[in-house]
C-alpha atoms as a PDB file:
ATOM      1  CA  UNK A   1       5.597   4.228  -3.368  1.00  0.00           C
ATOM      2  CA  UNK A   2       4.724   1.656  -6.002  1.00  0.00           C
ATOM      3  CA  UNK A   3       1.598  -0.440  -5.539  1.00  0.00           C
ATOM      4  CA  UNK A   4       3.458  -3.763  -5.158  1.00  0.00           C
ATOM      5  CA  UNK A   5       5.617  -2.353  -2.349  1.00  0.00           C
ATOM      6  CA  UNK A   6       2.492  -1.126  -0.567  1.00  0.00           C
ATOM      7  CA  UNK A   7       1.036  -4.631  -0.692  1.00  0.00           C
ATOM      8  CA  UNK A   8       4.261  -6.229   0.495  1.00  0.00           C
ATOM      9  CA  UNK A   9       4.648  -3.760   3.381  1.00  0.00           C
ATOM     10  CA  UNK A  10       1.053  -4.383   4.400  1.00  0.00           C
ATOM     11  CA  UNK A  11       1.565  -8.133   4.241  1.00  0.00           C
ATOM     12  CA  UNK A  12       4.757  -8.193   6.285  1.00  0.00           C
ATOM     13  CA  UNK A  13       3.475  -5.681   8.842  1.00  0.00           C
ATOM     14  CA  UNK A  14      -0.063  -7.000   9.390  1.00  0.00           C
ATOM     15  CA  UNK A  15      -0.454 -10.356   7.659  1.00  0.00           C
ATOM     16  CA  UNK A  16       2.148 -12.698   9.110  1.00  0.00           C
ATOM     17  CA  UNK A  17      -0.330 -15.014  10.855  1.00  0.00           C
ATOM     18  CA  UNK A  18      -1.319 -17.162   7.859  1.00  0.00           C
ATOM     19  CA  UNK A  19      -1.899 -16.978   4.105  1.00  0.00           C
ATOM     20  CA  UNK A  20      -5.421 -15.628   4.452  1.00  0.00           C
ATOM     21  CA  UNK A  21      -4.206 -12.885   6.784  1.00  0.00           C
ATOM     22  CA  UNK A  22      -1.350 -12.064   4.397  1.00  0.00           C
ATOM     23  CA  UNK A  23      -3.692 -11.893   1.394  1.00  0.00           C
ATOM     24  CA  UNK A  24      -6.075  -9.629   3.268  1.00  0.00           C
ATOM     25  CA  UNK A  25      -3.301  -7.294   4.477  1.00  0.00           C
ATOM     26  CA  UNK A  26      -1.726  -7.263   0.993  1.00  0.00           C
ATOM     27  CA  UNK A  27      -5.122  -6.373  -0.510  1.00  0.00           C
ATOM     28  CA  UNK A  28      -5.730  -3.567   1.976  1.00  0.00           C
ATOM     29  CA  UNK A  29      -2.187  -2.342   1.250  1.00  0.00           C
ATOM     30  CA  UNK A  30      -2.894  -1.908  -2.460  1.00  0.00           C
ATOM     31  CA  UNK A  31      -6.520  -0.785  -2.081  1.00  0.00           C
ATOM     32  CA  UNK A  32      -5.842   2.988  -1.926  1.00  0.00           C
ATOM     33  CA  UNK A  33      -4.139   2.882  -5.353  1.00  0.00           C
ATOM     34  CA  UNK A  34      -6.242   0.136  -6.901  1.00  0.00           C
ATOM     35  CA  UNK A  35      -9.545   1.976  -6.407  1.00  0.00           C
ATOM     36  CA  UNK A  36      -8.595   5.227  -8.193  1.00  0.00           C
ATOM     37  CA  UNK A  37      -6.112   3.895 -10.757  1.00  0.00           C
ATOM     38  CA  UNK A  38      -7.566   0.420 -11.456  1.00  0.00           C
ATOM     39  CA  UNK A  39     -10.574   1.572 -13.514  1.00  0.00           C
ATOM     40  CA  UNK A  40      -8.384   4.070 -15.372  1.00  0.00           C
ATOM     41  CA  UNK A  41      -5.860   1.399 -16.399  1.00  0.00           C
ATOM     42  CA  UNK A  42      -8.690  -0.942 -17.422  1.00  0.00           C
ATOM     43  CA  UNK A  43      -9.863   1.891 -19.702  1.00  0.00           C
ATOM     44  CA  UNK A  44      -6.285   2.183 -21.033  1.00  0.00           C
ATOM     45  CA  UNK A  45      -6.205  -1.565 -21.775  1.00  0.00           C
ATOM     46  CA  UNK A  46      -9.547  -1.319 -23.578  1.00  0.00           C
ATOM     47  CA  UNK A  47      -8.276   1.612 -25.646  1.00  0.00           C
ATOM     48  CA  UNK A  48     -10.710   4.048 -24.035  1.00  0.00           C
ATOM     49  CA  UNK A  49      -8.005   6.196 -22.432  1.00  0.00           C
ATOM     50  CA  UNK A  50      -4.453   7.146 -23.302  1.00  0.00           C
ATOM     51  CA  UNK A  51      -1.660   5.616 -21.217  1.00  0.00           C
ATOM     52  CA  UNK A  52       0.400   8.265 -19.415  1.00  0.00           C
ATOM     53  CA  UNK A  53       4.135   8.197 -20.088  1.00  0.00           C
ATOM     54  CA  UNK A  54       6.227   7.324 -17.056  1.00  0.00           C
ATOM     55  CA  UNK A  55       9.897   8.207 -17.430  1.00  0.00           C
ATOM     56  CA  UNK A  56      12.440   9.601 -15.020  1.00  0.00           C
ATOM     57  CA  UNK A  57       9.817  12.092 -13.945  1.00  0.00           C
ATOM     58  CA  UNK A  58       6.184  11.310 -13.154  1.00  0.00           C
ATOM     59  CA  UNK A  59       3.606  12.219 -15.804  1.00  0.00           C
ATOM     60  CA  UNK A  60       1.578  15.385 -15.660  1.00  0.00           C
ATOM     61  CA  UNK A  61      -1.347  14.683 -13.272  1.00  0.00           C
ATOM     62  CA  UNK A  62      -3.698  16.503 -15.652  1.00  0.00           C
ATOM     63  CA  UNK A  63      -3.586  13.496 -18.017  1.00  0.00           C
ATOM     64  CA  UNK A  64      -5.585  11.545 -15.432  1.00  0.00           C
ATOM     65  CA  UNK A  65      -9.375  11.977 -15.515  1.00  0.00           C
ATOM     66  CA  UNK A  66     -11.094  13.882 -12.728  1.00  0.00           C
ATOM     67  CA  UNK A  67     -12.621  10.716 -11.244  1.00  0.00           C
ATOM     68  CA  UNK A  68      -9.095   9.399 -10.536  1.00  0.00           C
ATOM     69  CA  UNK A  69      -8.242  12.544  -8.545  1.00  0.00           C
ATOM     70  CA  UNK A  70     -11.519  12.414  -6.589  1.00  0.00           C
ATOM     71  CA  UNK A  71     -11.166   8.710  -5.766  1.00  0.00           C
ATOM     72  CA  UNK A  72      -7.511   9.273  -4.822  1.00  0.00           C
ATOM     73  CA  UNK A  73      -8.559  11.904  -2.286  1.00  0.00           C
ATOM     74  CA  UNK A  74     -11.020   9.491  -0.695  1.00  0.00           C
ATOM     75  CA  UNK A  75      -8.727   6.459  -0.560  1.00  0.00           C
ATOM     76  CA  UNK A  76      -5.697   8.430   0.657  1.00  0.00           C
ATOM     77  CA  UNK A  77      -7.472  10.099   3.570  1.00  0.00           C
ATOM     78  CA  UNK A  78      -6.646   8.991   7.110  1.00  0.00           C
ATOM     79  CA  UNK A  79     -10.084  10.320   8.080  1.00  0.00           C
ATOM     80  CA  UNK A  80     -11.802   7.953   5.620  1.00  0.00           C
ATOM     81  CA  UNK A  81      -9.508   5.095   6.656  1.00  0.00           C
ATOM     82  CA  UNK A  82     -10.362   5.559  10.353  1.00  0.00           C
ATOM     83  CA  UNK A  83     -14.084   5.630   9.561  1.00  0.00           C
ATOM     84  CA  UNK A  84     -13.741   2.458   7.465  1.00  0.00           C
ATOM     85  CA  UNK A  85     -11.704   0.763  10.219  1.00  0.00           C
ATOM     86  CA  UNK A  86     -14.398   1.629  12.787  1.00  0.00           C
ATOM     87  CA  UNK A  87     -17.146   0.413  10.441  1.00  0.00           C
ATOM     88  CA  UNK A  88     -15.356  -2.910   9.882  1.00  0.00           C
ATOM     89  CA  UNK A  89     -14.920  -3.264  13.638  1.00  0.00           C
ATOM     90  CA  UNK A  90     -18.640  -2.703  14.179  1.00  0.00           C
ATOM     91  CA  UNK A  91     -19.662  -5.118  11.418  1.00  0.00           C
ATOM     92  CA  UNK A  92     -17.299  -7.939  12.416  1.00  0.00           C
ATOM     93  CA  UNK A  93     -17.428  -7.150  16.171  1.00  0.00           C
ATOM     94  CA  UNK A  94     -13.655  -7.227  16.343  1.00  0.00           C
ATOM     95  CA  UNK A  95     -10.869  -5.116  14.839  1.00  0.00           C
ATOM     96  CA  UNK A  96      -9.705  -6.282  11.419  1.00  0.00           C
ATOM     97  CA  UNK A  97      -6.011  -5.592  11.974  1.00  0.00           C
ATOM     98  CA  UNK A  98      -5.078  -6.459   8.384  1.00  0.00           C
ATOM     99  CA  UNK A  99      -7.037  -3.379   7.296  1.00  0.00           C
ATOM    100  CA  UNK A 100      -4.438  -1.185   8.992  1.00  0.00           C
ATOM    101  CA  UNK A 101      -2.274  -1.883   5.929  1.00  0.00           C
ATOM    102  CA  UNK A 102      -4.497   0.778   4.286  1.00  0.00           C
ATOM    103  CA  UNK A 103      -3.430   3.299   6.932  1.00  0.00           C
ATOM    104  CA  UNK A 104       0.218   2.284   6.491  1.00  0.00           C
ATOM    105  CA  UNK A 105      -0.142   2.902   2.746  1.00  0.00           C
ATOM    106  CA  UNK A 106      -1.319   6.442   3.442  1.00  0.00           C
ATOM    107  CA  UNK A 107       1.488   7.099   5.937  1.00  0.00           C
ATOM    108  CA  UNK A 108       4.123   5.991   3.421  1.00  0.00           C
ATOM    109  CA  UNK A 109       2.560   8.092   0.662  1.00  0.00           C
ATOM    110  CA  UNK A 110       2.530  11.264   2.756  1.00  0.00           C
ATOM    111  CA  UNK A 111       6.318  11.378   2.573  1.00  0.00           C
ATOM    112  CA  UNK A 112       6.925   9.688  -0.792  1.00  0.00           C
ATOM    113  CA  UNK A 113       4.706  11.860  -2.998  1.00  0.00           C
ATOM    114  CA  UNK A 114       5.690  15.348  -4.044  1.00  0.00           C
ATOM    115  CA  UNK A 115       3.469  18.219  -5.070  1.00  0.00           C
ATOM    116  CA  UNK A 116       4.327  17.351  -8.685  1.00  0.00           C
ATOM    117  CA  UNK A 117       2.426  14.031  -8.698  1.00  0.00           C
ATOM    118  CA  UNK A 118      -0.542  13.162  -6.503  1.00  0.00           C
ATOM    119  CA  UNK A 119       0.446  14.643  -3.138  1.00  0.00           C
ATOM    120  CA  UNK A 120      -1.360  12.756  -0.391  1.00  0.00           C
ATOM    121  CA  UNK A 121      -4.561  14.463   0.870  1.00  0.00           C
ATOM    122  CA  UNK A 122      -4.344  12.603   4.202  1.00  0.00           C
ATOM    123  CA  UNK A 123      -6.680  15.003   6.051  1.00  0.00           C
ATOM    124  CA  UNK A 124      -9.400  15.117   3.363  1.00  0.00           C
ATOM    125  CA  UNK A 125     -12.242  16.242   3.735  1.00  0.00           C
ATOM    126  CA  UNK A 126     -11.270  18.203   6.860  1.00  0.00           C
ATOM    127  CA  UNK A 127      -8.287  19.973   5.304  1.00  0.00           C
ATOM    128  CA  UNK A 128      -6.474  20.136   1.994  1.00  0.00           C
ATOM    129  CA  UNK A 129      -3.068  20.237   3.722  1.00  0.00           C
ATOM    130  CA  UNK A 130      -0.454  18.112   1.948  1.00  0.00           C
ATOM    131  CA  UNK A 131       3.251  17.403   2.436  1.00  0.00           C
ATOM    132  CA  UNK A 132       5.755  17.938  -0.369  1.00  0.00           C
ATOM    133  CA  UNK A 133       7.602  14.641   0.016  1.00  0.00           C
ATOM    134  CA  UNK A 134      10.318  13.003  -2.034  1.00  0.00           C
ATOM    135  CA  UNK A 135       9.089  11.123  -5.097  1.00  0.00           C
ATOM    136  CA  UNK A 136       9.152   7.363  -4.439  1.00  0.00           C
ATOM    137  CA  UNK A 137      10.882   6.714  -7.779  1.00  0.00           C
ATOM    138  CA  UNK A 138      14.050   8.518  -6.643  1.00  0.00           C
ATOM    139  CA  UNK A 139      16.899   6.093  -6.050  1.00  0.00           C
ATOM    140  CA  UNK A 140      17.406   7.258  -2.452  1.00  0.00           C
ATOM    141  CA  UNK A 141      13.805   6.162  -1.722  1.00  0.00           C
ATOM    142  CA  UNK A 142      13.260   3.264  -4.126  1.00  0.00           C
ATOM    143  CA  UNK A 143      16.478   1.301  -3.490  1.00  0.00           C
ATOM    144  CA  UNK A 144      16.273   1.303   0.342  1.00  0.00           C
ATOM    145  CA  UNK A 145      12.585   0.357   0.037  1.00  0.00           C
ATOM    146  CA  UNK A 146      13.392  -2.696  -2.084  1.00  0.00           C
ATOM    147  CA  UNK A 147      16.397  -3.672   0.056  1.00  0.00           C
ATOM    148  CA  UNK A 148      14.349  -3.414   3.279  1.00  0.00           C
ATOM    149  CA  UNK A 149      11.518  -5.481   1.806  1.00  0.00           C
ATOM    150  CA  UNK A 150      13.933  -8.185   0.627  1.00  0.00           C
ATOM    151  CA  UNK A 151      15.661  -8.293   4.029  1.00  0.00           C
ATOM    152  CA  UNK A 152      12.385  -8.375   5.979  1.00  0.00           C
ATOM    153  CA  UNK A 153      10.873 -11.119   3.832  1.00  0.00           C
ATOM    154  CA  UNK A 154      14.110 -13.167   3.926  1.00  0.00           C
ATOM    155  CA  UNK A 155      14.188 -12.850   7.726  1.00  0.00           C
ATOM    156  CA  UNK A 156      10.498 -13.722   8.037  1.00  0.00           C
ATOM    157  CA  UNK A 157      10.746 -16.764   5.763  1.00  0.00           C
ATOM    158  CA  UNK A 158      13.942 -17.933   7.476  1.00  0.00           C
ATOM    159  CA  UNK A 159      12.336 -17.679  10.921  1.00  0.00           C
ATOM    160  CA  UNK A 160       9.163 -19.390   9.747  1.00  0.00           C
ATOM    161  CA  UNK A 161      11.160 -22.232   8.210  1.00  0.00           C
ATOM    162  CA  UNK A 162      13.312 -22.519  11.326  1.00  0.00           C
ATOM    163  CA  UNK A 163      10.257 -22.665  13.616  1.00  0.00           C
ATOM    164  CA  UNK A 164       8.678 -25.363  11.435  1.00  0.00           C
ATOM    165  CA  UNK A 165      11.828 -27.478  11.461  1.00  0.00           C
ATOM    166  CA  UNK A 166      12.496 -26.918  15.169  1.00  0.00           C
ATOM    167  CA  UNK A 167      10.167 -29.609  16.581  1.00  0.00           C
ATOM    168  CA  UNK A 168      11.224 -32.084  13.887  1.00  0.00           C
ATOM    169  CA  UNK A 169      14.898 -31.631  14.704  1.00  0.00           C
ATOM    170  CA  UNK A 170      14.170 -32.090  18.412  1.00  0.00           C
ATOM    171  CA  UNK A 171      12.206 -35.277  17.624  1.00  0.00           C
ATOM    172  CA  UNK A 172      14.991 -36.694  15.431  1.00  0.00           C
ATOM    173  CA  UNK A 173      17.621 -36.041  18.128  1.00  0.00           C
ATOM    174  CA  UNK A 174      15.837 -38.288  20.652  1.00  0.00           C
END
């Protein structure tokens, strides 16, 4: 799944309370891709690395440096996520529910990454088991993803607007 969709899913699933909560959930939703690929794309922008070609098929994973693959294994591990969730809980003395957007990111990636391009090592470092999912760029995955996000956000914004106007309408009717 693309990084923006991960952020939007995290925001709608775990960040509906307020803007701060949304921003935190959105950030945790993109974190697993931002950590491994962010530094690489900064290097691309600075001319220190060659930009991989994305077409109808994903690029060859071997064009990505080894540090990207290692960081990807860490950030896409449910084991690491659960340890980080527990650590945050201990530090803040309460669960940081917005951080579960990270776990949602991993769950989506398990089934939307094929063996051809960064299959999700969700049990790392315990096991190297991976699922050969359908690539997220395929129309049967990408289009329903976008449609569902648009519908969910439209519904959420409609309900939020309706709740805000509710007391005003009741006041004006009196």
